[in-house]
N, C-alpha and C. Protein backbone atom coordinates (compact mmCIF):
# COMPACT_ATOMS: atom_id res chain seq x y z
N UNK A 1 1.85 15.97 -10.78
CA UNK A 1 1.05 16.39 -9.64
C UNK A 1 -0.14 15.47 -9.41
N UNK A 2 -0.73 15.01 -10.49
CA UNK A 2 -1.91 14.15 -10.35
C UNK A 2 -1.54 12.83 -9.69
N UNK A 3 -0.39 12.27 -10.04
CA UNK A 3 0.02 10.99 -9.46
C UNK A 3 0.28 11.16 -7.97
N UNK A 4 0.94 12.23 -7.58
CA UNK A 4 1.19 12.44 -6.15
C UNK A 4 -0.12 12.67 -5.39
N UNK A 5 -1.08 13.32 -6.02
CA UNK A 5 -2.39 13.52 -5.40
C UNK A 5 -3.11 12.18 -5.23
N UNK A 6 -3.04 11.34 -6.26
CA UNK A 6 -3.68 10.02 -6.21
C UNK A 6 -3.05 9.16 -5.12
N UNK A 7 -1.74 9.25 -4.96
CA UNK A 7 -1.03 8.41 -4.00
C UNK A 7 -1.23 8.82 -2.55
N UNK A 8 -1.98 9.88 -2.31
CA UNK A 8 -2.32 10.28 -0.93
C UNK A 8 -3.23 9.27 -0.24
N UNK A 9 -4.01 8.55 -1.05
CA UNK A 9 -4.94 7.57 -0.50
C UNK A 9 -4.42 6.16 -0.78
N UNK A 10 -4.67 5.22 0.13
CA UNK A 10 -4.21 3.84 -0.10
C UNK A 10 -5.07 3.14 -1.15
N UNK A 11 -4.51 2.09 -1.76
CA UNK A 11 -5.18 1.39 -2.85
C UNK A 11 -6.55 0.83 -2.49
N UNK A 12 -6.83 0.39 -1.23
CA UNK A 12 -8.19 -0.13 -0.97
C UNK A 12 -9.29 0.91 -1.19
N UNK A 13 -8.97 2.20 -1.03
CA UNK A 13 -9.96 3.26 -1.28
C UNK A 13 -10.37 3.22 -2.76
N UNK A 14 -9.41 3.04 -3.63
CA UNK A 14 -9.71 3.02 -5.06
C UNK A 14 -10.39 1.71 -5.48
N UNK A 15 -10.07 0.62 -4.79
CA UNK A 15 -10.76 -0.64 -5.05
C UNK A 15 -12.24 -0.50 -4.70
N UNK A 16 -12.54 0.13 -3.59
CA UNK A 16 -13.94 0.40 -3.23
C UNK A 16 -14.59 1.30 -4.28
N UNK A 17 -13.82 2.29 -4.78
CA UNK A 17 -14.34 3.16 -5.84
C UNK A 17 -14.67 2.40 -7.10
N UNK A 18 -13.80 1.47 -7.49
CA UNK A 18 -14.04 0.65 -8.68
C UNK A 18 -15.33 -0.15 -8.51
N UNK A 19 -15.48 -0.79 -7.36
CA UNK A 19 -16.67 -1.61 -7.10
C UNK A 19 -17.92 -0.74 -7.05
N UNK A 20 -17.84 0.36 -6.33
CA UNK A 20 -18.99 1.26 -6.19
C UNK A 20 -19.42 1.84 -7.53
N UNK A 21 -18.48 2.39 -8.29
CA UNK A 21 -18.83 3.01 -9.57
C UNK A 21 -19.22 1.99 -10.63
N UNK A 22 -18.67 0.78 -10.55
CA UNK A 22 -19.11 -0.28 -11.46
C UNK A 22 -20.57 -0.62 -11.19
N UNK A 23 -20.92 -0.74 -9.91
CA UNK A 23 -22.32 -0.99 -9.55
C UNK A 23 -23.23 0.14 -9.99
N UNK A 24 -22.78 1.37 -9.81
CA UNK A 24 -23.58 2.53 -10.24
C UNK A 24 -23.72 2.56 -11.76
N UNK A 25 -22.70 2.14 -12.47
CA UNK A 25 -22.76 2.09 -13.94
C UNK A 25 -23.81 1.07 -14.39
N UNK A 26 -23.81 -0.09 -13.74
CA UNK A 26 -24.82 -1.11 -14.06
C UNK A 26 -26.22 -0.58 -13.74
N UNK A 27 -26.35 0.05 -12.57
CA UNK A 27 -27.65 0.61 -12.19
C UNK A 27 -28.09 1.69 -13.16
N UNK A 28 -27.15 2.52 -13.61
CA UNK A 28 -27.46 3.58 -14.57
C UNK A 28 -27.97 2.98 -15.88
N UNK A 29 -27.29 1.94 -16.36
CA UNK A 29 -27.72 1.29 -17.59
C UNK A 29 -29.11 0.69 -17.46
N UNK A 30 -29.37 -0.02 -16.35
CA UNK A 30 -30.69 -0.62 -16.13
C UNK A 30 -31.75 0.47 -16.04
N UNK A 31 -31.45 1.55 -15.32
CA UNK A 31 -32.39 2.65 -15.15
C UNK A 31 -32.74 3.29 -16.50
N UNK A 32 -31.72 3.52 -17.33
CA UNK A 32 -31.98 4.15 -18.63
C UNK A 32 -32.72 3.22 -19.58
N UNK A 33 -32.34 1.94 -19.59
CA UNK A 33 -32.97 0.99 -20.53
C UNK A 33 -34.37 0.63 -20.07
N UNK A 34 -34.52 0.25 -18.82
CA UNK A 34 -35.83 -0.20 -18.32
C UNK A 34 -36.77 0.98 -18.06
N UNK A 35 -36.24 2.04 -17.48
CA UNK A 35 -37.09 3.16 -17.09
C UNK A 35 -37.46 4.10 -18.21
N UNK A 36 -36.55 4.25 -19.17
CA UNK A 36 -36.78 5.24 -20.21
C UNK A 36 -36.74 4.66 -21.62
N UNK A 37 -36.63 3.35 -21.72
CA UNK A 37 -36.62 2.71 -23.04
C UNK A 37 -35.37 3.01 -23.85
N UNK A 38 -34.29 3.36 -23.16
CA UNK A 38 -33.03 3.64 -23.86
C UNK A 38 -32.44 2.36 -24.44
N UNK A 39 -31.42 2.54 -25.23
CA UNK A 39 -30.77 1.38 -25.83
C UNK A 39 -29.61 0.94 -24.93
N UNK A 40 -29.26 -0.33 -25.02
CA UNK A 40 -28.11 -0.84 -24.29
C UNK A 40 -26.88 -0.22 -24.93
N UNK A 41 -26.01 0.39 -24.11
CA UNK A 41 -24.86 1.10 -24.64
C UNK A 41 -23.56 0.55 -24.06
N UNK A 42 -22.46 0.89 -24.69
CA UNK A 42 -21.15 0.47 -24.20
C UNK A 42 -20.67 1.35 -23.05
N UNK A 43 -21.06 2.62 -23.08
CA UNK A 43 -20.58 3.58 -22.10
C UNK A 43 -21.75 4.35 -21.51
N UNK A 44 -21.60 4.66 -20.22
CA UNK A 44 -22.57 5.50 -19.53
C UNK A 44 -21.80 6.59 -18.80
N UNK A 45 -22.50 7.49 -18.17
CA UNK A 45 -21.87 8.58 -17.44
C UNK A 45 -20.92 8.03 -16.36
N UNK A 46 -21.30 6.94 -15.71
CA UNK A 46 -20.49 6.36 -14.65
C UNK A 46 -19.21 5.70 -15.17
N UNK A 47 -19.07 5.59 -16.48
CA UNK A 47 -17.84 5.03 -17.05
C UNK A 47 -16.63 5.89 -16.68
N UNK A 48 -16.84 7.19 -16.58
CA UNK A 48 -15.74 8.11 -16.27
C UNK A 48 -15.17 7.83 -14.87
N UNK A 49 -16.00 7.82 -13.79
CA UNK A 49 -15.41 7.53 -12.49
C UNK A 49 -14.90 6.08 -12.35
N UNK A 50 -15.51 5.13 -13.07
CA UNK A 50 -14.99 3.76 -13.03
C UNK A 50 -13.57 3.75 -13.60
N UNK A 51 -13.39 4.40 -14.75
CA UNK A 51 -12.08 4.44 -15.40
C UNK A 51 -11.05 5.15 -14.52
N UNK A 52 -11.43 6.27 -13.94
CA UNK A 52 -10.51 7.00 -13.07
C UNK A 52 -10.14 6.18 -11.83
N UNK A 53 -11.12 5.46 -11.28
CA UNK A 53 -10.85 4.61 -10.12
C UNK A 53 -9.90 3.47 -10.48
N UNK A 54 -10.13 2.86 -11.64
CA UNK A 54 -9.22 1.79 -12.11
C UNK A 54 -7.80 2.33 -12.28
N UNK A 55 -7.69 3.52 -12.87
CA UNK A 55 -6.37 4.10 -13.09
C UNK A 55 -5.68 4.39 -11.75
N UNK A 56 -6.42 4.97 -10.81
CA UNK A 56 -5.84 5.26 -9.49
C UNK A 56 -5.46 3.97 -8.77
N UNK A 57 -6.29 2.94 -8.90
CA UNK A 57 -5.99 1.64 -8.29
C UNK A 57 -4.69 1.08 -8.86
N UNK A 58 -4.55 1.14 -10.17
CA UNK A 58 -3.34 0.63 -10.81
C UNK A 58 -2.10 1.40 -10.37
N UNK A 59 -2.25 2.70 -10.14
CA UNK A 59 -1.11 3.53 -9.73
C UNK A 59 -0.74 3.34 -8.26
N UNK A 60 -1.67 2.89 -7.44
CA UNK A 60 -1.40 2.80 -6.00
C UNK A 60 -1.24 1.38 -5.48
N UNK A 61 -1.47 0.38 -6.33
CA UNK A 61 -1.28 -0.99 -5.87
C UNK A 61 0.17 -1.17 -5.42
N UNK A 62 0.36 -1.82 -4.28
CA UNK A 62 1.74 -2.00 -3.82
C UNK A 62 2.51 -2.92 -4.77
N UNK A 63 3.74 -2.55 -5.02
CA UNK A 63 4.60 -3.39 -5.85
C UNK A 63 5.78 -3.83 -5.00
N UNK A 64 6.25 -4.99 -5.31
CA UNK A 64 7.41 -5.51 -4.59
C UNK A 64 8.61 -5.21 -5.48
N UNK A 65 9.40 -6.19 -5.80
CA UNK A 65 10.56 -5.95 -6.64
C UNK A 65 10.23 -6.06 -8.12
N UNK A 66 9.13 -6.69 -8.45
CA UNK A 66 8.78 -6.84 -9.86
C UNK A 66 7.45 -6.14 -10.14
N UNK A 67 7.20 -5.81 -11.40
CA UNK A 67 5.96 -5.09 -11.75
C UNK A 67 4.71 -5.92 -11.44
N UNK A 68 3.62 -5.21 -11.17
CA UNK A 68 2.34 -5.87 -10.90
C UNK A 68 1.77 -6.46 -12.18
N UNK A 69 0.76 -7.28 -12.03
CA UNK A 69 0.08 -7.87 -13.21
C UNK A 69 -0.52 -6.78 -14.08
N UNK A 70 -1.00 -5.69 -13.44
CA UNK A 70 -1.53 -4.55 -14.20
C UNK A 70 -0.44 -3.95 -15.09
N UNK A 71 0.75 -3.76 -14.52
CA UNK A 71 1.85 -3.16 -15.28
C UNK A 71 2.28 -4.06 -16.43
N UNK A 72 2.36 -5.35 -16.17
CA UNK A 72 2.75 -6.28 -17.23
C UNK A 72 1.71 -6.31 -18.34
N UNK A 73 0.45 -6.34 -17.98
CA UNK A 73 -0.62 -6.36 -18.99
C UNK A 73 -0.69 -5.02 -19.71
N UNK A 74 -0.42 -3.93 -19.00
CA UNK A 74 -0.47 -2.60 -19.59
C UNK A 74 0.49 -2.40 -20.74
N UNK A 75 1.60 -3.16 -20.74
CA UNK A 75 2.55 -3.07 -21.85
C UNK A 75 1.90 -3.51 -23.17
N UNK A 76 0.85 -4.28 -23.07
CA UNK A 76 0.18 -4.82 -24.25
C UNK A 76 -1.19 -4.19 -24.49
N UNK A 77 -1.49 -3.10 -23.80
CA UNK A 77 -2.85 -2.54 -23.83
C UNK A 77 -3.31 -2.13 -25.23
N UNK A 78 -2.41 -1.62 -26.06
CA UNK A 78 -2.81 -1.23 -27.41
C UNK A 78 -3.27 -2.41 -28.23
N UNK A 79 -2.50 -3.49 -28.17
CA UNK A 79 -2.86 -4.69 -28.92
C UNK A 79 -4.13 -5.33 -28.36
N UNK A 80 -4.22 -5.36 -27.03
CA UNK A 80 -5.40 -5.96 -26.40
C UNK A 80 -6.65 -5.16 -26.76
N UNK A 81 -6.53 -3.84 -26.79
CA UNK A 81 -7.67 -3.00 -27.16
C UNK A 81 -8.12 -3.30 -28.58
N UNK A 82 -7.19 -3.38 -29.51
CA UNK A 82 -7.55 -3.68 -30.90
C UNK A 82 -8.12 -5.09 -31.02
N UNK A 83 -7.59 -6.02 -30.25
CA UNK A 83 -8.07 -7.39 -30.27
C UNK A 83 -9.53 -7.49 -29.81
N UNK A 84 -9.94 -6.60 -28.92
CA UNK A 84 -11.32 -6.68 -28.41
C UNK A 84 -12.33 -6.37 -29.52
N UNK A 85 -11.93 -5.58 -30.51
CA UNK A 85 -12.83 -5.32 -31.63
C UNK A 85 -13.08 -6.58 -32.44
N UNK A 86 -12.03 -7.37 -32.63
CA UNK A 86 -12.16 -8.63 -33.35
C UNK A 86 -13.08 -9.57 -32.56
N UNK A 87 -12.87 -9.63 -31.25
CA UNK A 87 -13.71 -10.48 -30.40
C UNK A 87 -15.16 -10.02 -30.42
N UNK A 88 -15.37 -8.71 -30.44
CA UNK A 88 -16.73 -8.15 -30.50
C UNK A 88 -17.45 -8.62 -31.75
N UNK A 89 -16.76 -8.60 -32.88
CA UNK A 89 -17.34 -9.07 -34.14
C UNK A 89 -17.66 -10.56 -34.04
N UNK A 90 -16.79 -11.34 -33.40
CA UNK A 90 -17.04 -12.78 -33.25
C UNK A 90 -18.28 -13.02 -32.39
N UNK A 91 -18.42 -12.27 -31.30
CA UNK A 91 -19.60 -12.41 -30.43
C UNK A 91 -20.87 -12.02 -31.19
N UNK A 92 -20.81 -10.92 -31.95
CA UNK A 92 -21.97 -10.51 -32.74
C UNK A 92 -22.33 -11.59 -33.77
N UNK A 93 -21.32 -12.24 -34.32
CA UNK A 93 -21.59 -13.31 -35.30
C UNK A 93 -22.28 -14.49 -34.63
N UNK A 94 -21.84 -14.86 -33.43
CA UNK A 94 -22.48 -15.95 -32.70
C UNK A 94 -23.93 -15.56 -32.38
N UNK A 95 -24.13 -14.33 -31.91
CA UNK A 95 -25.48 -13.87 -31.60
C UNK A 95 -26.35 -13.87 -32.86
N UNK A 96 -25.76 -13.50 -34.01
CA UNK A 96 -26.52 -13.50 -35.25
C UNK A 96 -26.99 -14.91 -35.57
N UNK A 97 -26.10 -15.87 -35.42
CA UNK A 97 -26.47 -17.27 -35.69
C UNK A 97 -27.52 -17.78 -34.71
N UNK A 98 -27.53 -17.25 -33.49
CA UNK A 98 -28.54 -17.64 -32.50
C UNK A 98 -29.89 -17.00 -32.80
N UNK A 99 -29.92 -16.00 -33.67
CA UNK A 99 -31.17 -15.32 -33.99
C UNK A 99 -31.45 -14.10 -33.15
N UNK A 100 -30.44 -13.61 -32.43
CA UNK A 100 -30.63 -12.47 -31.54
C UNK A 100 -31.05 -11.22 -32.31
N UNK A 101 -30.55 -11.04 -33.53
CA UNK A 101 -30.85 -9.84 -34.30
C UNK A 101 -32.10 -9.98 -35.16
N UNK A 102 -32.54 -11.21 -35.38
CA UNK A 102 -33.68 -11.39 -36.28
C UNK A 102 -34.96 -11.84 -35.57
N UNK A 103 -34.84 -12.47 -34.43
CA UNK A 103 -36.02 -12.97 -33.71
C UNK A 103 -36.24 -12.12 -32.46
N UNK A 104 -37.33 -11.35 -32.40
CA UNK A 104 -37.57 -10.47 -31.25
C UNK A 104 -37.65 -11.22 -29.92
N UNK A 105 -38.15 -12.46 -29.94
CA UNK A 105 -38.24 -13.23 -28.69
C UNK A 105 -36.85 -13.57 -28.16
N UNK A 106 -35.98 -14.02 -29.06
CA UNK A 106 -34.61 -14.36 -28.64
C UNK A 106 -33.87 -13.09 -28.24
N UNK A 107 -34.08 -12.02 -28.98
CA UNK A 107 -33.45 -10.74 -28.66
C UNK A 107 -33.85 -10.28 -27.26
N UNK A 108 -35.14 -10.34 -26.95
CA UNK A 108 -35.61 -9.94 -25.62
C UNK A 108 -35.04 -10.84 -24.54
N UNK A 109 -34.94 -12.13 -24.83
CA UNK A 109 -34.40 -13.09 -23.86
C UNK A 109 -32.94 -12.76 -23.54
N UNK A 110 -32.16 -12.43 -24.55
CA UNK A 110 -30.74 -12.11 -24.33
C UNK A 110 -30.60 -10.73 -23.68
N UNK A 111 -31.31 -9.73 -24.19
CA UNK A 111 -31.20 -8.37 -23.66
C UNK A 111 -31.68 -8.27 -22.22
N UNK A 112 -32.68 -9.04 -21.85
CA UNK A 112 -33.27 -8.94 -20.51
C UNK A 112 -32.68 -9.94 -19.53
N UNK A 113 -31.69 -10.69 -19.93
CA UNK A 113 -31.07 -11.67 -19.06
C UNK A 113 -29.91 -11.00 -18.32
N UNK A 114 -30.16 -10.58 -17.08
CA UNK A 114 -29.16 -9.84 -16.31
C UNK A 114 -27.91 -10.68 -16.07
N UNK A 115 -28.09 -11.96 -15.75
CA UNK A 115 -26.93 -12.82 -15.49
C UNK A 115 -26.05 -12.93 -16.73
N UNK A 116 -26.67 -13.11 -17.88
CA UNK A 116 -25.91 -13.20 -19.13
C UNK A 116 -25.17 -11.89 -19.39
N UNK A 117 -25.85 -10.78 -19.24
CA UNK A 117 -25.22 -9.48 -19.48
C UNK A 117 -24.09 -9.21 -18.49
N UNK A 118 -24.27 -9.61 -17.23
CA UNK A 118 -23.24 -9.39 -16.21
C UNK A 118 -22.03 -10.29 -16.44
N UNK A 119 -22.23 -11.47 -16.99
CA UNK A 119 -21.13 -12.41 -17.22
C UNK A 119 -20.45 -12.19 -18.57
N UNK A 120 -21.15 -11.57 -19.50
CA UNK A 120 -20.63 -11.43 -20.86
C UNK A 120 -19.33 -10.63 -20.91
N UNK A 121 -19.26 -9.52 -20.19
CA UNK A 121 -18.06 -8.68 -20.23
C UNK A 121 -16.85 -9.38 -19.59
N UNK A 122 -16.97 -9.91 -18.36
CA UNK A 122 -15.79 -10.60 -17.81
C UNK A 122 -15.38 -11.82 -18.63
N UNK A 123 -16.35 -12.54 -19.18
CA UNK A 123 -16.03 -13.69 -20.02
C UNK A 123 -15.33 -13.24 -21.30
N UNK A 124 -15.85 -12.20 -21.93
CA UNK A 124 -15.21 -11.68 -23.15
C UNK A 124 -13.81 -11.16 -22.84
N UNK A 125 -13.63 -10.53 -21.69
CA UNK A 125 -12.32 -10.01 -21.30
C UNK A 125 -11.33 -11.17 -21.11
N UNK A 126 -11.77 -12.22 -20.42
CA UNK A 126 -10.91 -13.38 -20.20
C UNK A 126 -10.55 -14.06 -21.53
N UNK A 127 -11.52 -14.19 -22.40
CA UNK A 127 -11.27 -14.80 -23.72
C UNK A 127 -10.32 -13.91 -24.52
N UNK A 128 -10.53 -12.61 -24.47
CA UNK A 128 -9.68 -11.67 -25.19
C UNK A 128 -8.22 -11.82 -24.74
N UNK A 129 -7.99 -11.81 -23.42
CA UNK A 129 -6.63 -11.94 -22.91
C UNK A 129 -6.02 -13.29 -23.28
N UNK A 130 -6.81 -14.34 -23.16
CA UNK A 130 -6.32 -15.68 -23.50
C UNK A 130 -5.93 -15.76 -24.97
N UNK A 131 -6.80 -15.28 -25.84
CA UNK A 131 -6.50 -15.29 -27.28
C UNK A 131 -5.26 -14.45 -27.60
N UNK A 132 -5.22 -13.25 -27.04
CA UNK A 132 -4.10 -12.36 -27.34
C UNK A 132 -2.77 -12.99 -26.92
N UNK A 133 -2.70 -13.45 -25.67
CA UNK A 133 -1.43 -13.98 -25.18
C UNK A 133 -1.09 -15.33 -25.83
N UNK A 134 -2.10 -16.09 -26.25
CA UNK A 134 -1.83 -17.34 -26.98
C UNK A 134 -1.25 -17.05 -28.35
N UNK A 135 -1.88 -16.12 -29.08
CA UNK A 135 -1.39 -15.75 -30.41
C UNK A 135 0.00 -15.13 -30.30
N UNK A 136 0.20 -14.30 -29.29
CA UNK A 136 1.51 -13.67 -29.09
C UNK A 136 2.57 -14.73 -28.79
N UNK A 137 2.20 -15.72 -27.98
CA UNK A 137 3.14 -16.80 -27.67
C UNK A 137 3.54 -17.60 -28.91
N UNK A 138 2.58 -17.85 -29.77
CA UNK A 138 2.87 -18.57 -31.03
C UNK A 138 3.82 -17.75 -31.89
N UNK A 139 3.54 -16.44 -32.02
CA UNK A 139 4.42 -15.58 -32.81
C UNK A 139 5.81 -15.48 -32.20
N UNK A 140 5.89 -15.41 -30.86
CA UNK A 140 7.19 -15.37 -30.21
C UNK A 140 7.99 -16.64 -30.51
N UNK A 141 7.29 -17.78 -30.44
CA UNK A 141 7.95 -19.05 -30.72
C UNK A 141 8.42 -19.16 -32.16
N UNK A 142 7.64 -18.64 -33.08
CA UNK A 142 7.98 -18.74 -34.51
C UNK A 142 9.03 -17.71 -34.95
N UNK A 143 8.92 -16.49 -34.46
CA UNK A 143 9.73 -15.40 -35.00
C UNK A 143 10.73 -14.80 -34.02
N UNK A 144 10.53 -15.03 -32.74
CA UNK A 144 11.44 -14.47 -31.74
C UNK A 144 11.01 -13.10 -31.26
N UNK A 145 11.54 -12.71 -30.11
CA UNK A 145 11.16 -11.46 -29.46
C UNK A 145 11.58 -10.23 -30.28
N UNK A 146 12.77 -10.26 -30.85
CA UNK A 146 13.26 -9.09 -31.60
C UNK A 146 12.38 -8.79 -32.81
N UNK A 147 12.02 -9.82 -33.58
CA UNK A 147 11.18 -9.63 -34.76
C UNK A 147 9.81 -9.12 -34.34
N UNK A 148 9.27 -9.69 -33.27
CA UNK A 148 7.96 -9.24 -32.78
C UNK A 148 8.01 -7.78 -32.36
N UNK A 149 9.08 -7.38 -31.69
CA UNK A 149 9.23 -5.97 -31.26
C UNK A 149 9.34 -5.04 -32.45
N UNK A 150 10.05 -5.48 -33.50
CA UNK A 150 10.23 -4.64 -34.69
C UNK A 150 8.93 -4.34 -35.41
N UNK A 151 7.98 -5.26 -35.34
CA UNK A 151 6.73 -5.10 -36.09
C UNK A 151 5.53 -4.75 -35.20
N UNK A 152 5.77 -4.41 -33.95
CA UNK A 152 4.68 -4.13 -33.01
C UNK A 152 3.83 -2.96 -33.48
N UNK A 153 4.47 -1.84 -33.79
CA UNK A 153 3.72 -0.65 -34.19
C UNK A 153 2.96 -0.88 -35.49
N UNK A 154 3.59 -1.54 -36.46
CA UNK A 154 2.89 -1.77 -37.72
C UNK A 154 1.72 -2.72 -37.54
N UNK A 155 1.85 -3.67 -36.60
CA UNK A 155 0.72 -4.58 -36.31
C UNK A 155 -0.43 -3.81 -35.68
N UNK A 156 -0.12 -2.87 -34.80
CA UNK A 156 -1.17 -2.06 -34.18
C UNK A 156 -1.88 -1.22 -35.24
N UNK A 157 -1.11 -0.59 -36.11
CA UNK A 157 -1.69 0.25 -37.17
C UNK A 157 -2.55 -0.61 -38.10
N UNK A 158 -2.05 -1.78 -38.48
CA UNK A 158 -2.82 -2.67 -39.35
C UNK A 158 -4.13 -3.09 -38.68
N UNK A 159 -4.06 -3.44 -37.40
CA UNK A 159 -5.27 -3.81 -36.66
C UNK A 159 -6.26 -2.65 -36.59
N UNK A 160 -5.73 -1.44 -36.39
CA UNK A 160 -6.61 -0.26 -36.33
C UNK A 160 -7.30 -0.02 -37.66
N UNK A 161 -6.58 -0.15 -38.76
CA UNK A 161 -7.20 0.02 -40.08
C UNK A 161 -8.25 -1.05 -40.35
N UNK A 162 -7.99 -2.28 -39.90
CA UNK A 162 -8.94 -3.37 -40.07
C UNK A 162 -10.23 -3.05 -39.33
N UNK A 163 -10.10 -2.56 -38.09
CA UNK A 163 -11.29 -2.20 -37.32
C UNK A 163 -12.02 -1.01 -37.92
N UNK A 164 -11.27 -0.05 -38.45
CA UNK A 164 -11.91 1.08 -39.13
C UNK A 164 -12.73 0.61 -40.32
N UNK A 165 -12.22 -0.38 -41.06
CA UNK A 165 -12.98 -0.93 -42.18
C UNK A 165 -14.31 -1.50 -41.69
N UNK A 166 -14.27 -2.23 -40.58
CA UNK A 166 -15.48 -2.86 -40.05
C UNK A 166 -16.54 -1.82 -39.72
N UNK A 167 -16.12 -0.69 -39.15
CA UNK A 167 -17.08 0.31 -38.68
C UNK A 167 -17.29 1.47 -39.65
N UNK A 168 -16.59 1.48 -40.79
CA UNK A 168 -16.75 2.55 -41.77
C UNK A 168 -18.06 2.37 -42.53
N UNK A 169 -18.68 3.47 -42.86
CA UNK A 169 -19.97 3.42 -43.57
C UNK A 169 -19.76 3.67 -45.07
N UNK A 170 -20.66 3.08 -45.88
CA UNK A 170 -20.61 3.30 -47.32
C UNK A 170 -21.44 4.53 -47.67
N UNK A 171 -21.67 4.78 -48.96
CA UNK A 171 -22.40 5.97 -49.40
C UNK A 171 -23.84 6.00 -48.91
N UNK A 172 -24.42 4.82 -48.65
CA UNK A 172 -25.80 4.75 -48.18
C UNK A 172 -25.91 4.83 -46.66
N UNK A 173 -24.78 5.01 -45.96
CA UNK A 173 -24.79 5.11 -44.51
C UNK A 173 -24.79 3.77 -43.81
N UNK A 174 -24.58 2.68 -44.55
CA UNK A 174 -24.52 1.34 -43.95
C UNK A 174 -23.07 0.98 -43.69
N UNK A 175 -22.85 0.19 -42.61
CA UNK A 175 -21.49 -0.26 -42.33
C UNK A 175 -21.00 -1.15 -43.47
N UNK A 176 -19.71 -1.03 -43.80
CA UNK A 176 -19.13 -1.91 -44.81
C UNK A 176 -19.21 -3.36 -44.34
N UNK A 177 -19.04 -3.57 -43.04
CA UNK A 177 -19.19 -4.90 -42.46
C UNK A 177 -20.58 -4.96 -41.85
N UNK A 178 -21.42 -5.86 -42.33
CA UNK A 178 -22.80 -5.95 -41.89
C UNK A 178 -22.90 -6.83 -40.67
N UNK A 179 -23.00 -6.21 -39.47
CA UNK A 179 -23.07 -6.98 -38.24
C UNK A 179 -24.41 -7.71 -38.09
N UNK A 180 -25.42 -7.30 -38.86
CA UNK A 180 -26.70 -7.98 -38.81
C UNK A 180 -26.64 -9.31 -39.59
N UNK A 181 -25.73 -9.37 -40.52
CA UNK A 181 -25.54 -10.60 -41.30
C UNK A 181 -24.05 -10.71 -41.60
N UNK A 182 -23.25 -11.13 -40.59
CA UNK A 182 -21.80 -11.15 -40.77
C UNK A 182 -21.32 -12.10 -41.86
N UNK A 183 -22.17 -13.03 -42.31
CA UNK A 183 -21.73 -13.94 -43.36
C UNK A 183 -21.70 -13.20 -44.69
């Protein structure tokens, strides 16, 4: 029922929703951080309508005889999601080496740089997709499609456990992986 309800409106309506709610999400983050001294977060209240708009857009985009780029990429969404955690750790490591976590001046420069913050997510997304599909291509070339398909679920589970290790806390409440000093 939800899909038929979503398909009542044409895809440009949902594209406008994605753009509008993305802008509102950015404004919400700036308002909370600048106006109330909140911390920079991964998710805000506007994340919900952005996500719903993206989902509706993906469901209503016109398709011809072959699947859309969204559908093709969606087949790999589990692996891509797990891969983004690895990329996040890599970005935090680069920031650590730049002094973002130890030098308040550098930290303020990075946190208050709107252009950097606005470009960081699309750049990280592009790098994530490039890395994922490059690594996948290498594995396909080495082992073949059948072998890769046979181990897909176990690779996802292994990646999930690896990420859990990174974010799991020890007895003192500290992360096992120290993002403040990744070395």
